Amino acid sequence: MSDLRALYQEVILEHSKNPRNFRMPDPVDNFANGINPLCGDKLTVYLHVVDDVIEDISFEGSGCAISTASASMMTQRLKGLPVEQANAIFEQFHELLTSNIDQETSDDQLGKLSVFSGVREFPMRVKCATLAWHTLQSALSGEHADVSTE
């Protein structure tokens, strides 16, 4: 295994074991629930948005290592960003997992989130990695609709 791949696995395992922003914030403006029935991942994404800026973002729930790490890293990356920029990062992250985006390009655009690039080799795991992100989209829309990967 390459040193880079080992580092990526280490980052994902660290965020899975010690997720960041794993809590319900106060106040909460919007939230959404997400479920991946094939893997059993279930989570809720919470948002506090002020003047179109994500002032606070967090999550609660349970899931596999990839799902939990993705939610943890998502909250770290998006806290303090304008909603428009968060949506652009969602698109870049989704592209990373579903296309053959150049690794250097993904590193520049996504930073540490590029550790998920290897997930695209496992189509069933793409749903685990994107669950929190799709749930975020629902929370941002204010619909409170449940999100499912199926």
C-alpha atoms as a PDB file:
ATOM      1  CA  MET A   1       0.000   0.000   0.000  1.00  0.00           C
ATOM      2  CA  SER A   2       1.360   3.414  -0.891  1.00  0.00           C
ATOM      3  CA  ASP A   3       2.243   5.859   1.859  1.00  0.00           C
ATOM      4  CA  LEU A   4      -0.384   8.275   0.530  1.00  0.00           C
ATOM      5  CA  ARG A   5      -3.145   5.663   0.604  1.00  0.00           C
ATOM      6  CA  ALA A   6      -2.136   4.669   4.159  1.00  0.00           C
ATOM      7  CA  LEU A   7      -2.309   8.329   5.191  1.00  0.00           C
ATOM      8  CA  TYR A   8      -5.760   8.639   3.640  1.00  0.00           C
ATOM      9  CA  GLN A   9      -6.983   5.594   5.524  1.00  0.00           C
ATOM     10  CA  GLU A  10      -5.516   6.990   8.736  1.00  0.00           C
ATOM     11  CA  VAL A  11      -7.361  10.304   8.280  1.00  0.00           C
ATOM     12  CA  ILE A  12     -10.674   8.546   7.615  1.00  0.00           C
ATOM     13  CA  LEU A  13     -10.243   6.245  10.618  1.00  0.00           C
ATOM     14  CA  GLU A  14      -9.322   9.172  12.890  1.00  0.00           C
ATOM     15  CA  HIS A  15     -12.448  11.123  11.924  1.00  0.00           C
ATOM     16  CA  SER A  16     -14.561   7.995  12.273  1.00  0.00           C
ATOM     17  CA  LYS A  17     -13.316   7.268  15.779  1.00  0.00           C
ATOM     18  CA  ASN A  18     -13.280  10.926  16.893  1.00  0.00           C
ATOM     19  CA  PRO A  19     -15.842  12.783  14.790  1.00  0.00           C
ATOM     20  CA  ARG A  20     -15.686  16.553  14.885  1.00  0.00           C
ATOM     21  CA  ASN A  21     -18.851  18.603  15.417  1.00  0.00           C
ATOM     22  CA  PHE A  22     -20.780  15.549  16.597  1.00  0.00           C
ATOM     23  CA  ARG A  23     -23.481  17.354  18.548  1.00  0.00           C
ATOM     24  CA  MET A  24     -26.702  19.310  18.275  1.00  0.00           C
ATOM     25  CA  PRO A  25     -25.861  23.010  18.116  1.00  0.00           C
ATOM     26  CA  ASP A  26     -27.824  25.763  19.748  1.00  0.00           C
ATOM     27  CA  PRO A  27     -29.403  27.522  17.966  1.00  0.00           C
ATOM     28  CA  VAL A  28     -30.522  25.384  15.009  1.00  0.00           C
ATOM     29  CA  ASP A  29     -32.116  27.011  11.973  1.00  0.00           C
ATOM     30  CA  ASN A  30     -32.475  23.981   9.751  1.00  0.00           C
ATOM     31  CA  PHE A  31     -31.839  20.277   9.851  1.00  0.00           C
ATOM     32  CA  ALA A  32     -32.406  17.179   7.762  1.00  0.00           C
ATOM     33  CA  ASN A  33     -32.242  13.428   8.327  1.00  0.00           C
ATOM     34  CA  GLY A  34     -30.368  11.066   6.042  1.00  0.00           C
ATOM     35  CA  ILE A  35     -30.378   7.292   5.728  1.00  0.00           C
ATOM     36  CA  ASN A  36     -28.429   4.779   3.699  1.00  0.00           C
ATOM     37  CA  PRO A  37     -30.566   1.617   3.980  1.00  0.00           C
ATOM     38  CA  LEU A  38     -27.972  -0.657   2.383  1.00  0.00           C
ATOM     39  CA  CYS A  39     -25.257   0.202   4.898  1.00  0.00           C
ATOM     40  CA  GLY A  40     -27.436   1.228   7.836  1.00  0.00           C
ATOM     41  CA  ASP A  41     -26.044   4.760   8.088  1.00  0.00           C
ATOM     42  CA  LYS A  42     -28.430   7.228   9.750  1.00  0.00           C
ATOM     43  CA  LEU A  43     -27.614  10.822  10.521  1.00  0.00           C
ATOM     44  CA  THR A  44     -29.026  14.271  11.093  1.00  0.00           C
ATOM     45  CA  VAL A  45     -27.262  17.404   9.851  1.00  0.00           C
ATOM     46  CA  TYR A  46     -27.910  20.611  11.788  1.00  0.00           C
ATOM     47  CA  LEU A  47     -27.300  24.162  10.554  1.00  0.00           C
ATOM     48  CA  HIS A  48     -27.192  27.650  11.957  1.00  0.00           C
ATOM     49  CA  VAL A  49     -27.026  30.086   9.032  1.00  0.00           C
ATOM     50  CA  VAL A  50     -26.736  33.856   9.430  1.00  0.00           C
ATOM     51  CA  ASP A  51     -26.759  36.177   6.393  1.00  0.00           C
ATOM     52  CA  ASP A  52     -26.144  33.216   4.061  1.00  0.00           C
ATOM     53  CA  VAL A  53     -23.061  32.120   6.028  1.00  0.00           C
ATOM     54  CA  ILE A  54     -22.889  28.754   7.775  1.00  0.00           C
ATOM     55  CA  GLU A  55     -22.125  29.934  11.300  1.00  0.00           C
ATOM     56  CA  ASP A  56     -22.441  26.438  12.763  1.00  0.00           C
ATOM     57  CA  ILE A  57     -22.857  22.974  11.293  1.00  0.00           C
ATOM     58  CA  SER A  58     -22.889  19.656  13.082  1.00  0.00           C
ATOM     59  CA  PHE A  59     -24.311  16.163  12.930  1.00  0.00           C
ATOM     60  CA  GLU A  60     -25.516  13.272  15.034  1.00  0.00           C
ATOM     61  CA  GLY A  61     -26.192   9.669  14.175  1.00  0.00           C
ATOM     62  CA  SER A  62     -24.486   6.390  13.499  1.00  0.00           C
ATOM     63  CA  GLY A  63     -22.861   4.891  10.477  1.00  0.00           C
ATOM     64  CA  CYS A  64     -19.887   3.172   8.957  1.00  0.00           C
ATOM     65  CA  ALA A  65     -16.386   4.653   9.108  1.00  0.00           C
ATOM     66  CA  ILE A  66     -16.682   6.327   5.700  1.00  0.00           C
ATOM     67  CA  SER A  67     -20.066   7.894   6.437  1.00  0.00           C
ATOM     68  CA  THR A  68     -19.007   9.217   9.841  1.00  0.00           C
ATOM     69  CA  ALA A  69     -15.657  10.516   8.603  1.00  0.00           C
ATOM     70  CA  SER A  70     -17.293  12.231   5.647  1.00  0.00           C
ATOM     71  CA  ALA A  71     -19.814  14.000   7.902  1.00  0.00           C
ATOM     72  CA  SER A  72     -17.071  15.016  10.330  1.00  0.00           C
ATOM     73  CA  MET A  73     -14.806  16.415   7.638  1.00  0.00           C
ATOM     74  CA  MET A  74     -17.724  18.097   5.877  1.00  0.00           C
ATOM     75  CA  THR A  75     -18.632  20.029   9.024  1.00  0.00           C
ATOM     76  CA  GLN A  76     -15.047  21.129   9.529  1.00  0.00           C
ATOM     77  CA  ARG A  77     -14.666  22.270   5.933  1.00  0.00           C
ATOM     78  CA  LEU A  78     -17.955  24.174   5.654  1.00  0.00           C
ATOM     79  CA  LYS A  79     -18.215  25.963   9.002  1.00  0.00           C
ATOM     80  CA  GLY A  80     -17.898  29.699   8.447  1.00  0.00           C
ATOM     81  CA  LEU A  81     -18.367  29.558   4.676  1.00  0.00           C
ATOM     82  CA  PRO A  82     -21.035  31.262   2.594  1.00  0.00           C
ATOM     83  CA  VAL A  83     -23.810  28.889   1.513  1.00  0.00           C
ATOM     84  CA  GLU A  84     -22.884  29.482  -2.134  1.00  0.00           C
ATOM     85  CA  GLN A  85     -19.315  28.306  -1.506  1.00  0.00           C
ATOM     86  CA  ALA A  86     -20.580  25.289   0.464  1.00  0.00           C
ATOM     87  CA  ASN A  87     -22.740  24.320  -2.520  1.00  0.00           C
ATOM     88  CA  ALA A  88     -19.729  24.619  -4.834  1.00  0.00           C
ATOM     89  CA  ILE A  89     -17.680  22.363  -2.538  1.00  0.00           C
ATOM     90  CA  PHE A  90     -20.552  19.847  -2.529  1.00  0.00           C
ATOM     91  CA  GLU A  91     -20.426  19.771  -6.344  1.00  0.00           C
ATOM     92  CA  GLN A  92     -16.636  19.322  -6.328  1.00  0.00           C
ATOM     93  CA  PHE A  93     -16.837  16.562  -3.716  1.00  0.00           C
ATOM     94  CA  HIS A  94     -19.567  14.765  -5.658  1.00  0.00           C
ATOM     95  CA  GLU A  95     -17.474  15.028  -8.828  1.00  0.00           C
ATOM     96  CA  LEU A  96     -14.443  13.627  -6.965  1.00  0.00           C
ATOM     97  CA  LEU A  97     -16.438  10.528  -6.033  1.00  0.00           C
ATOM     98  CA  THR A  98     -18.258   9.983  -9.316  1.00  0.00           C
ATOM     99  CA  SER A  99     -15.774  10.949 -12.041  1.00  0.00           C
ATOM    100  CA  ASN A 100     -12.099  10.740 -12.833  1.00  0.00           C
ATOM    101  CA  ILE A 101     -11.193  14.194 -11.546  1.00  0.00           C
ATOM    102  CA  ASP A 102      -7.460  14.864 -11.473  1.00  0.00           C
ATOM    103  CA  GLN A 103      -5.997  14.222  -7.983  1.00  0.00           C
ATOM    104  CA  GLU A 104      -4.016  17.461  -8.013  1.00  0.00           C
ATOM    105  CA  THR A 105      -7.146  19.414  -8.951  1.00  0.00           C
ATOM    106  CA  SER A 106      -9.137  17.778  -6.164  1.00  0.00           C
ATOM    107  CA  ASP A 107      -6.384  18.506  -3.625  1.00  0.00           C
ATOM    108  CA  ASP A 108      -6.411  22.182  -4.608  1.00  0.00           C
ATOM    109  CA  GLN A 109     -10.190  22.497  -4.479  1.00  0.00           C
ATOM    110  CA  LEU A 110     -11.109  20.174  -1.632  1.00  0.00           C
ATOM    111  CA  GLY A 111      -8.080  20.044   0.630  1.00  0.00           C
ATOM    112  CA  LYS A 112      -8.323  17.173   3.121  1.00  0.00           C
ATOM    113  CA  LEU A 113     -11.636  16.026   1.629  1.00  0.00           C
ATOM    114  CA  SER A 114      -9.643  14.596  -1.276  1.00  0.00           C
ATOM    115  CA  VAL A 115      -8.836  11.619   0.985  1.00  0.00           C
ATOM    116  CA  PHE A 116     -12.147  10.206  -0.232  1.00  0.00           C
ATOM    117  CA  SER A 117     -10.920   9.901  -3.839  1.00  0.00           C
ATOM    118  CA  GLY A 118     -10.315   6.168  -3.424  1.00  0.00           C
ATOM    119  CA  VAL A 119     -13.976   5.611  -2.533  1.00  0.00           C
ATOM    120  CA  ARG A 120     -14.996   5.968  -6.195  1.00  0.00           C
ATOM    121  CA  GLU A 121     -13.465   2.532  -6.790  1.00  0.00           C
ATOM    122  CA  PHE A 122     -16.231   1.088  -4.573  1.00  0.00           C
ATOM    123  CA  PRO A 123     -19.623   2.282  -5.915  1.00  0.00           C
ATOM    124  CA  MET A 124     -21.584   1.082  -2.879  1.00  0.00           C
ATOM    125  CA  ARG A 125     -19.313   3.153  -0.618  1.00  0.00           C
ATOM    126  CA  VAL A 126     -19.899   6.324  -2.653  1.00  0.00           C
ATOM    127  CA  LYS A 127     -23.358   6.413  -1.076  1.00  0.00           C
ATOM    128  CA  CYS A 128     -21.767   6.241   2.380  1.00  0.00           C
ATOM    129  CA  ALA A 129     -19.419   9.123   1.608  1.00  0.00           C
ATOM    130  CA  THR A 130     -22.091  11.354   0.059  1.00  0.00           C
ATOM    131  CA  LEU A 131     -24.939  10.748   2.523  1.00  0.00           C
ATOM    132  CA  ALA A 132     -24.030  13.671   4.816  1.00  0.00           C
ATOM    133  CA  TRP A 133     -23.576  15.939   1.805  1.00  0.00           C
ATOM    134  CA  HIS A 134     -26.979  15.145   0.317  1.00  0.00           C
ATOM    135  CA  THR A 135     -28.497  15.569   3.766  1.00  0.00           C
ATOM    136  CA  LEU A 136     -26.796  18.959   3.990  1.00  0.00           C
ATOM    137  CA  GLN A 137     -28.437  19.974   0.710  1.00  0.00           C
ATOM    138  CA  SER A 138     -31.842  19.135   2.156  1.00  0.00           C
ATOM    139  CA  ALA A 139     -31.091  21.099   5.330  1.00  0.00           C
ATOM    140  CA  LEU A 140     -29.936  24.110   3.299  1.00  0.00           C
ATOM    141  CA  SER A 141     -33.169  24.019   1.309  1.00  0.00           C
ATOM    142  CA  GLY A 142     -35.160  24.204   4.551  1.00  0.00           C
ATOM    143  CA  GLU A 143     -37.412  21.324   3.461  1.00  0.00           C
ATOM    144  CA  HIS A 144     -36.698  19.075   6.475  1.00  0.00           C
ATOM    145  CA  ALA A 145     -37.232  16.217   4.035  1.00  0.00           C
ATOM    146  CA  ASP A 146     -35.641  12.885   4.801  1.00  0.00           C
ATOM    147  CA  VAL A 147     -32.851  11.965   2.403  1.00  0.00           C
ATOM    148  CA  SER A 148     -32.221   8.404   1.281  1.00  0.00           C
ATOM    149  CA  THR A 149     -29.441   7.019  -0.872  1.00  0.00           C
ATOM    150  CA  GLU A 150     -31.975   4.692  -2.517  1.00  0.00           C
END
